[in-house]
Amino acid sequence: MWTMEQLVERVSAALAAEYPGAPNGRVREVPDRRSIRWYTTIGLVDRPLGTRGRTVLYGPRHLLQLVAIKRRQAAGMTLAEIQAELAGASEETLAAVARVPDQVLRTDGSPPPAHRGRPDFWKASPAAPVRILPAEPAPDENGDAAPAGVTRRELAAAVETLGAPPPLLQALITGVPLGEGVILLLPRHTTDLDRDEIAAAARPLLHLLAARGLTDGRTS
């Protein structure tokens, strides 16, 4: 188990190899104490495993969760989108998204690999795009090629056998930024129209909080 400082070190080590940074400059590249507590509040990160005296302790699953969040933020996803994908996700899913090296996940007390700086990722050649070629149409009973529609029908039938996708998690907590560093927690997702109306209705509350010195002026 690790302290919060050790956990942050391992997150940094896991991201150092290939993390390009979040596209939004207001998002921290490596989470700090405040970010980790916030992710715990909204259910993206599990609660600590326990305490040692007054020190809270974390484990490999917390590392996978934090690295997965940062990788999805680097891809441009919002916290609400990340919640829908990763809140309560299995360790297999988190590991696939986070891609944390085994030596960083070790809990035997060994320190994470030394940070060697971020490589010049912009100099690397982009990976070749994956192309999905259509299947050749199957011949009909006369040996002639069947129309392409046969392949599409077979694909549609295969998709139907998969069934409807599972509904999104309903117990997610969505944070709606009101400005001045104030975030409203709601038990479900909201639309853009809802957010605009909530922000307008919250202005008197923001004035009151600002007058009491309970805001920090942040915009996210």
Protein backbone atom coordinates (compact mmCIF):
# COMPACT_ATOMS: atom_id res chain seq x y z
CA MET A 1 0.00 0.00 0.00
CA TRP A 2 1.10 3.58 -0.68
CA THR A 3 0.62 6.99 0.85
CA MET A 4 -1.02 9.67 -1.28
CA GLU A 5 2.41 11.14 -2.14
CA GLN A 6 3.66 7.72 -3.27
CA LEU A 7 0.47 7.19 -5.27
CA VAL A 8 0.96 10.50 -7.11
CA GLU A 9 4.59 9.54 -7.85
CA ARG A 10 3.45 6.29 -9.42
CA VAL A 11 0.77 8.06 -11.47
CA SER A 12 3.48 10.38 -12.79
CA ALA A 13 5.76 7.43 -13.60
CA ALA A 14 2.96 5.58 -15.41
CA LEU A 15 2.05 8.63 -17.52
CA ALA A 16 5.61 9.73 -18.29
CA ALA A 17 6.18 7.30 -21.16
CA GLU A 18 3.40 8.34 -23.52
CA TYR A 19 0.99 10.82 -21.93
CA PRO A 20 0.69 13.92 -24.21
CA GLY A 21 -1.07 16.05 -21.61
CA ALA A 22 -4.70 17.10 -21.41
CA PRO A 23 -5.94 19.30 -24.27
CA ASN A 24 -7.55 21.69 -21.79
CA GLY A 25 -4.89 23.72 -19.99
CA ARG A 26 -7.12 23.96 -16.91
CA VAL A 27 -6.80 20.21 -16.28
CA ARG A 28 -3.79 19.14 -14.23
CA GLU A 29 -1.48 16.66 -15.97
CA VAL A 30 -0.84 14.82 -12.68
CA PRO A 31 -3.60 14.85 -10.04
CA ASP A 32 -2.91 16.57 -6.73
CA ARG A 33 -4.45 15.82 -3.33
CA ARG A 34 -7.48 17.99 -4.06
CA SER A 35 -8.16 16.29 -7.41
CA ILE A 36 -7.89 12.81 -5.89
CA ARG A 37 -10.35 13.71 -3.12
CA TRP A 38 -12.73 15.17 -5.73
CA TYR A 39 -12.54 12.02 -7.89
CA THR A 40 -13.32 10.00 -4.76
CA THR A 41 -16.31 12.21 -3.99
CA ILE A 42 -17.87 11.68 -7.44
CA GLY A 43 -17.17 7.94 -7.45
CA LEU A 44 -14.40 7.83 -10.06
CA VAL A 45 -11.81 6.71 -7.50
CA ASP A 46 -12.44 4.23 -4.68
CA ARG A 47 -12.12 5.26 -1.06
CA PRO A 48 -8.69 4.64 0.56
CA LEU A 49 -7.90 1.10 1.67
CA GLY A 50 -7.33 2.21 5.25
CA THR A 51 -5.08 4.32 7.41
CA ARG A 52 -1.73 4.03 9.15
CA GLY A 53 -1.95 6.47 12.01
CA ARG A 54 -3.20 9.64 10.33
CA THR A 55 -1.93 8.61 6.87
CA VAL A 56 -4.44 7.28 4.33
CA LEU A 57 -3.30 4.33 2.20
CA TYR A 58 -3.97 3.43 -1.43
CA GLY A 59 -3.41 0.40 -3.64
CA PRO A 60 -2.99 -0.68 -7.28
CA ARG A 61 -6.67 -0.19 -8.18
CA HIS A 62 -6.45 3.49 -7.19
CA LEU A 63 -3.40 3.84 -9.43
CA LEU A 64 -5.25 2.25 -12.37
CA GLN A 65 -8.24 4.54 -11.81
CA LEU A 66 -6.20 7.76 -11.72
CA VAL A 67 -4.08 6.89 -14.75
CA ALA A 68 -7.17 5.82 -16.71
CA ILE A 69 -8.87 9.15 -15.88
CA LYS A 70 -5.85 11.12 -17.10
CA ARG A 71 -5.59 9.10 -20.31
CA ARG A 72 -9.25 9.73 -21.07
CA GLN A 73 -8.86 13.45 -20.28
CA ALA A 74 -5.89 13.54 -22.67
CA ALA A 75 -8.23 12.15 -25.32
CA GLY A 76 -10.58 15.10 -24.75
CA MET A 77 -13.29 13.34 -22.73
CA THR A 78 -15.22 15.23 -20.04
CA LEU A 79 -15.53 13.98 -16.47
CA ALA A 80 -19.17 13.08 -17.11
CA GLU A 81 -18.14 10.92 -20.08
CA ILE A 82 -15.35 9.34 -18.05
CA GLN A 83 -17.84 8.60 -15.24
CA ALA A 84 -20.14 6.82 -17.66
CA GLU A 85 -17.28 4.61 -18.83
CA LEU A 86 -15.13 4.04 -15.77
CA ALA A 87 -17.18 4.49 -12.58
CA GLY A 88 -17.25 1.05 -10.95
CA ALA A 89 -15.27 -0.48 -13.84
CA SER A 90 -13.52 -3.82 -13.36
CA GLU A 91 -9.75 -3.95 -12.90
CA GLU A 92 -9.47 -5.57 -16.34
CA THR A 93 -11.20 -2.58 -17.95
CA LEU A 94 -9.13 -0.08 -15.96
CA ALA A 95 -5.89 -1.90 -16.83
CA ALA A 96 -6.75 -1.85 -20.54
CA VAL A 97 -7.34 1.91 -20.46
CA ALA A 98 -4.52 2.86 -18.08
CA ARG A 99 -1.74 0.69 -19.58
CA VAL A 100 0.34 0.94 -16.38
CA PRO A 101 3.71 -0.89 -16.57
CA ASP A 102 3.96 -3.90 -14.24
CA GLN A 103 6.93 -2.46 -12.36
CA VAL A 104 4.88 0.63 -11.45
CA LEU A 105 2.04 -1.52 -10.12
CA ARG A 106 4.31 -3.48 -7.77
CA THR A 107 3.43 -3.08 -4.09
CA ASP A 108 6.56 -4.65 -2.60
CA GLY A 109 7.86 -1.27 -1.46
CA SER A 110 10.12 -0.70 -4.47
CA PRO A 111 10.06 2.86 -5.83
CA PRO A 112 8.59 3.56 -9.27
CA PRO A 113 11.02 3.82 -12.21
CA ALA A 114 12.90 7.11 -12.36
CA HIS A 115 11.18 9.76 -14.43
CA ARG A 116 13.24 10.39 -17.57
CA GLY A 117 11.15 13.16 -19.02
CA ARG A 118 8.48 13.01 -21.67
CA PRO A 119 9.66 11.88 -25.12
CA ASP A 120 9.18 14.10 -28.13
CA PHE A 121 5.93 12.39 -29.09
CA TRP A 122 5.22 14.97 -31.78
CA LYS A 123 8.30 13.76 -33.73
CA ALA A 124 7.11 10.19 -33.96
CA SER A 125 5.41 9.05 -37.13
CA PRO A 126 1.67 8.57 -36.64
CA ALA A 127 0.44 5.03 -36.65
CA ALA A 128 -1.10 3.85 -39.86
CA PRO A 129 -4.89 4.07 -39.78
CA VAL A 130 -6.73 0.79 -39.46
CA ARG A 131 -8.84 0.04 -42.50
CA ILE A 132 -11.73 -2.38 -42.35
CA LEU A 133 -12.26 -3.93 -45.75
CA PRO A 134 -15.71 -5.21 -46.71
CA ALA A 135 -16.08 -8.95 -47.02
CA GLU A 136 -16.30 -10.35 -50.50
CA PRO A 137 -19.91 -11.11 -51.44
CA ALA A 138 -20.73 -14.78 -51.19
CA PRO A 139 -21.69 -16.51 -54.46
CA ASP A 140 -25.32 -17.43 -54.95
CA GLU A 141 -26.63 -20.86 -55.88
CA ASN A 142 -25.68 -20.33 -59.55
CA GLY A 143 -22.09 -19.49 -58.66
CA ASP A 144 -22.54 -15.80 -59.39
CA ALA A 145 -21.48 -13.17 -56.91
CA ALA A 146 -24.37 -12.14 -54.66
CA PRO A 147 -25.11 -8.43 -54.28
CA ALA A 148 -23.23 -6.51 -51.60
CA GLY A 149 -26.47 -6.20 -49.66
CA VAL A 150 -26.10 -9.80 -48.51
CA THR A 151 -22.98 -8.91 -46.52
CA ARG A 152 -24.70 -5.92 -44.94
CA ARG A 153 -27.70 -8.02 -43.98
CA GLU A 154 -25.45 -10.62 -42.40
CA LEU A 155 -23.66 -7.88 -40.46
CA ALA A 156 -26.98 -6.41 -39.29
CA ALA A 157 -28.14 -9.85 -38.16
CA ALA A 158 -24.92 -10.38 -36.22
CA VAL A 159 -25.33 -7.02 -34.49
CA GLU A 160 -28.90 -7.91 -33.51
CA THR A 161 -27.70 -11.07 -31.80
CA LEU A 162 -25.58 -8.95 -29.48
CA GLY A 163 -28.67 -7.40 -27.96
CA ALA A 164 -29.17 -3.85 -26.79
CA PRO A 165 -26.22 -2.19 -25.06
CA PRO A 166 -26.50 -1.94 -21.25
CA PRO A 167 -27.90 1.35 -19.97
CA LEU A 168 -25.49 3.89 -18.58
CA LEU A 169 -24.94 3.84 -14.86
CA GLN A 170 -27.81 5.64 -13.20
CA ALA A 171 -26.15 6.20 -9.83
CA LEU A 172 -23.46 8.53 -11.14
CA ILE A 173 -22.88 11.89 -9.56
CA THR A 174 -22.46 14.74 -12.03
CA GLY A 175 -20.65 17.93 -11.07
CA VAL A 176 -22.04 21.12 -12.63
CA PRO A 177 -19.54 24.02 -12.42
CA LEU A 178 -21.30 27.21 -11.31
CA GLY A 179 -18.22 29.43 -11.49
CA GLU A 180 -15.98 30.89 -8.79
CA GLY A 181 -14.75 27.38 -8.00
CA VAL A 182 -18.23 26.23 -6.87
CA ILE A 183 -19.47 22.86 -8.20
CA LEU A 184 -23.03 21.57 -7.74
CA LEU A 185 -23.36 17.79 -7.30
CA LEU A 186 -26.36 16.14 -8.96
CA PRO A 187 -27.41 12.46 -8.92
CA ARG A 188 -27.73 12.21 -12.73
CA HIS A 189 -26.44 13.72 -15.95
CA THR A 190 -27.73 17.07 -17.24
CA THR A 191 -28.20 18.63 -20.65
CA ASP A 192 -26.54 21.84 -21.80
CA LEU A 193 -29.89 23.64 -21.41
CA ASP A 194 -30.20 22.36 -17.83
CA ARG A 195 -26.70 23.60 -17.01
CA ASP A 196 -27.43 27.08 -18.38
CA GLU A 197 -30.65 27.36 -16.36
CA ILE A 198 -28.98 26.02 -13.21
CA ALA A 199 -26.09 28.48 -13.58
CA ALA A 200 -28.53 31.39 -14.02
CA ALA A 201 -30.57 30.37 -10.99
CA ALA A 202 -27.41 29.96 -8.89
CA ARG A 203 -26.11 33.53 -9.35
CA PRO A 204 -27.64 34.83 -6.09
CA LEU A 205 -26.06 31.91 -4.24
CA LEU A 206 -22.68 32.63 -5.81
CA HIS A 207 -22.92 36.29 -4.74
CA LEU A 208 -23.66 35.17 -1.18
CA LEU A 209 -20.78 32.65 -1.15
CA ALA A 210 -18.39 35.24 -2.56
CA ALA A 211 -19.44 37.74 0.08
CA ARG A 212 -18.69 35.15 2.77
CA GLY A 213 -15.29 34.39 1.25
CA LEU A 214 -16.30 30.83 0.36
CA THR A 215 -15.24 30.91 -3.29
CA ASP A 216 -11.77 30.72 -4.79
CA GLY A 217 -12.32 32.34 -8.18
CA ARG A 218 -11.54 29.22 -10.17
CA THR A 219 -13.45 28.52 -13.38
CA SER A 220 -13.27 24.74 -13.32
